[in-house]
Protein backbone atom coordinates (compact mmCIF):
# COMPACT_ATOMS: atom_id res chain seq x y z
CA MET A 1 62.41 137.50 85.19
CA GLU A 2 64.38 135.64 82.71
CA GLN A 3 64.47 138.15 79.49
CA GLY A 4 63.52 135.35 76.91
CA HIS A 5 60.78 134.11 79.66
CA ALA A 6 59.56 137.85 79.74
CA LEU A 7 59.70 138.19 76.04
CA LEU A 8 57.51 135.58 75.53
CA THR A 9 54.94 137.00 78.02
CA HIS A 10 54.59 140.13 76.50
CA LEU A 11 54.37 138.08 73.02
CA GLY A 12 51.43 136.25 74.57
CA CYS A 13 49.80 139.26 76.30
CA PHE A 14 50.08 141.07 72.45
CA THR A 15 48.74 138.05 71.00
CA ALA A 16 45.42 137.96 73.51
CA PHE A 17 44.77 141.49 72.60
CA PHE A 18 45.52 141.03 69.12
CA VAL A 19 43.07 138.39 68.92
CA MET A 20 40.35 140.43 70.88
CA LEU A 21 40.70 143.54 68.92
CA TYR A 22 40.42 141.37 65.62
CA MET A 23 37.14 139.78 66.62
CA SER A 24 35.94 143.12 67.75
CA ASN A 25 36.81 144.89 64.24
CA LYS A 26 34.94 141.69 62.53
CA SER A 27 31.95 142.62 64.31
CA ASN A 28 32.37 146.42 64.05
CA SER A 29 32.14 147.16 67.48
CA LYS A 30 35.38 149.22 68.20
CA ILE A 31 34.27 152.42 67.11
CA PHE A 32 32.77 154.58 70.17
CA VAL A 33 30.71 157.14 67.66
CA GLN A 34 30.56 156.40 63.93
CA THR A 35 28.46 159.29 61.71
CA GLY A 36 26.41 160.35 64.60
CA LYS A 37 25.28 156.56 65.59
CA PRO A 38 26.49 155.16 68.59
CA ALA A 39 28.67 151.78 68.42
CA ILE A 40 27.13 148.93 67.38
CA SER A 41 27.67 147.27 70.80
CA PHE A 42 28.98 149.39 73.79
CA GLY A 43 29.14 146.51 75.59
CA LYS A 44 31.59 144.62 73.38
CA LEU A 45 33.43 147.99 72.84
CA ILE A 46 33.72 148.53 76.86
CA GLY A 47 34.90 144.59 76.72
CA LEU A 48 37.46 145.29 74.28
CA HIS A 49 39.00 148.09 76.58
CA LEU A 50 38.83 145.98 79.66
CA ASN A 51 40.38 143.15 77.87
CA GLY A 52 43.39 145.79 77.11
CA ILE A 53 43.75 146.68 80.59
CA LEU A 54 44.13 143.08 81.52
CA TRP A 55 46.43 141.74 78.97
CA LEU A 56 48.28 145.22 78.63
CA GLY A 57 48.18 146.35 82.33
CA LEU A 58 47.46 143.75 84.82
CA VAL A 59 49.44 140.66 83.40
CA PRO A 60 52.60 142.38 82.81
CA VAL A 61 52.41 144.14 86.51
CA PHE A 62 52.30 140.59 88.03
CA ALA A 63 54.52 138.50 85.48
CA SER A 64 57.39 141.04 85.53
CA SER A 65 60.23 141.21 88.19
CA GLN A 66 60.09 144.98 87.61
CA THR A 67 57.60 147.16 89.94
CA VAL A 68 55.29 149.79 88.51
CA THR A 69 57.20 152.60 90.64
CA SER A 70 60.41 151.59 89.11
CA ILE A 71 59.02 151.58 85.39
CA LEU A 72 57.33 154.99 85.77
CA PHE A 73 59.95 156.83 88.15
CA GLY A 74 63.36 154.65 87.20
CA HIS A 75 65.86 153.20 89.55
CA ASN A 76 67.61 156.51 90.41
CA SER A 77 65.75 159.22 92.15
CA GLY A 78 65.95 162.72 90.06
CA SER A 79 66.84 166.22 91.15
CA VAL A 80 64.31 168.64 92.81
CA TRP A 81 64.39 170.73 89.44
CA GLN A 82 63.49 167.42 87.40
CA ASP A 83 60.45 167.16 89.72
CA VAL A 84 59.46 170.44 89.49
CA ALA A 85 59.53 170.29 85.69
CA ILE A 86 57.46 167.25 85.60
CA ALA A 87 54.70 169.21 87.96
CA LEU A 88 54.58 172.10 85.51
CA LEU A 89 54.28 169.93 82.55
CA ILE A 90 51.45 168.21 84.28
CA ALA A 91 49.77 171.20 85.21
CA THR A 92 50.33 173.02 82.03
CA THR A 93 48.75 169.83 80.21
CA THR A 94 45.77 169.55 82.64
CA LEU A 95 45.22 173.14 82.17
CA ILE A 96 45.29 172.91 78.34
CA ALA A 97 42.89 170.08 78.44
CA LEU A 98 40.46 171.92 80.60
CA LEU A 99 40.53 174.84 78.57
CA GLN A 100 40.06 172.68 75.21
CA GLY A 101 37.61 170.57 76.61
CA SER A 102 35.08 173.69 77.89
CA THR A 103 34.50 174.57 74.59
CA PRO A 104 32.39 171.95 72.29
CA ILE A 105 34.44 171.53 68.73
CA ILE A 106 31.28 170.48 66.63
CA ALA A 107 27.36 169.99 67.72
CA ALA A 108 26.85 166.61 67.65
CA PRO A 109 23.41 164.80 69.03
CA LEU A 110 24.24 163.28 72.36
CA VAL A 111 23.88 159.44 71.21
CA TYR A 112 24.76 157.93 75.06
CA ASN A 113 23.44 158.84 78.43
CA LEU A 114 25.66 160.41 80.55
CA SER A 115 26.58 157.35 82.91
CA GLN A 116 27.69 155.79 79.48
CA LEU A 117 29.64 158.53 78.88
CA LYS A 118 31.54 158.10 82.29
CA LEU A 119 32.18 154.88 82.13
CA TYR A 120 33.92 155.03 78.68
CA MET A 121 35.79 157.71 79.77
CA ILE A 122 37.07 156.41 82.95
CA VAL A 123 37.73 152.75 80.91
CA LYS A 124 39.74 154.46 78.16
CA ILE A 125 41.81 156.57 80.16
CA LEU A 126 42.87 153.58 82.37
CA PHE A 127 43.46 151.74 78.80
CA ILE A 128 45.47 154.42 77.67
CA ILE A 129 47.62 154.08 80.77
CA SER A 130 48.11 150.29 80.49
CA CYS A 131 48.91 150.52 76.73
CA GLU A 132 52.06 153.30 77.25
CA LEU A 133 52.95 151.49 80.79
CA TRP A 134 53.40 148.54 78.57
CA PHE A 135 54.89 150.05 75.60
CA ARG A 136 57.17 152.20 77.15
CA GLY A 137 57.82 150.59 80.39
CA TYR A 138 57.52 146.79 80.95
CA LEU A 139 57.81 145.64 76.72
CA LEU A 140 60.74 148.40 76.35
CA TRP A 141 62.85 147.44 79.57
CA ASP A 142 62.70 143.74 79.09
CA ALA A 143 63.35 144.14 75.28
CA ALA A 144 66.17 146.51 75.99
CA LYS A 145 67.79 143.94 78.50
CA ALA A 146 66.82 140.68 76.17
CA ILE A 147 68.10 142.36 72.92
CA GLY A 148 69.85 145.61 73.55
CA VAL A 149 68.74 149.47 73.40
CA PRO A 150 68.61 150.09 69.84
CA LEU A 151 66.15 147.00 68.71
CA ALA A 152 64.24 147.40 71.88
CA ILE A 153 63.41 150.87 70.75
CA VAL A 154 62.67 149.98 67.08
CA LEU A 155 60.52 147.17 68.60
CA THR A 156 58.43 149.61 70.78
CA ILE A 157 57.90 152.14 67.85
């Protein structure tokens, strides 16, 4: 993909997501729980996250000439020690998350049913993965090609 076209695609994706974020902010529907009460509109909250997954996750994947695997793992294969280090970091992070998640921080009344919580967590995790893949992946690499590495890093901070 031509660098100028790639940056325009990223600008369009971010603009579409920002417009949706602005609209949800106006209707006060971007907060999951506020002072023990559920979000104003659970459907709008899920819709905002799905919108982010679409514009920051799926559109760049299909519009870019780079593959997801090249973004995630690079073009060069690493050494076995790098793979072992990454596996240990993932295992350690997972263990810490499981240990921290097993103890409640504060006792609060449950304002959602279990299926809503599961749906929200799945959509939220996919949203975070999409955002990181876009910011630290597609946008960073396409900007680095177009405007150079230092400016690309400043752009994605």
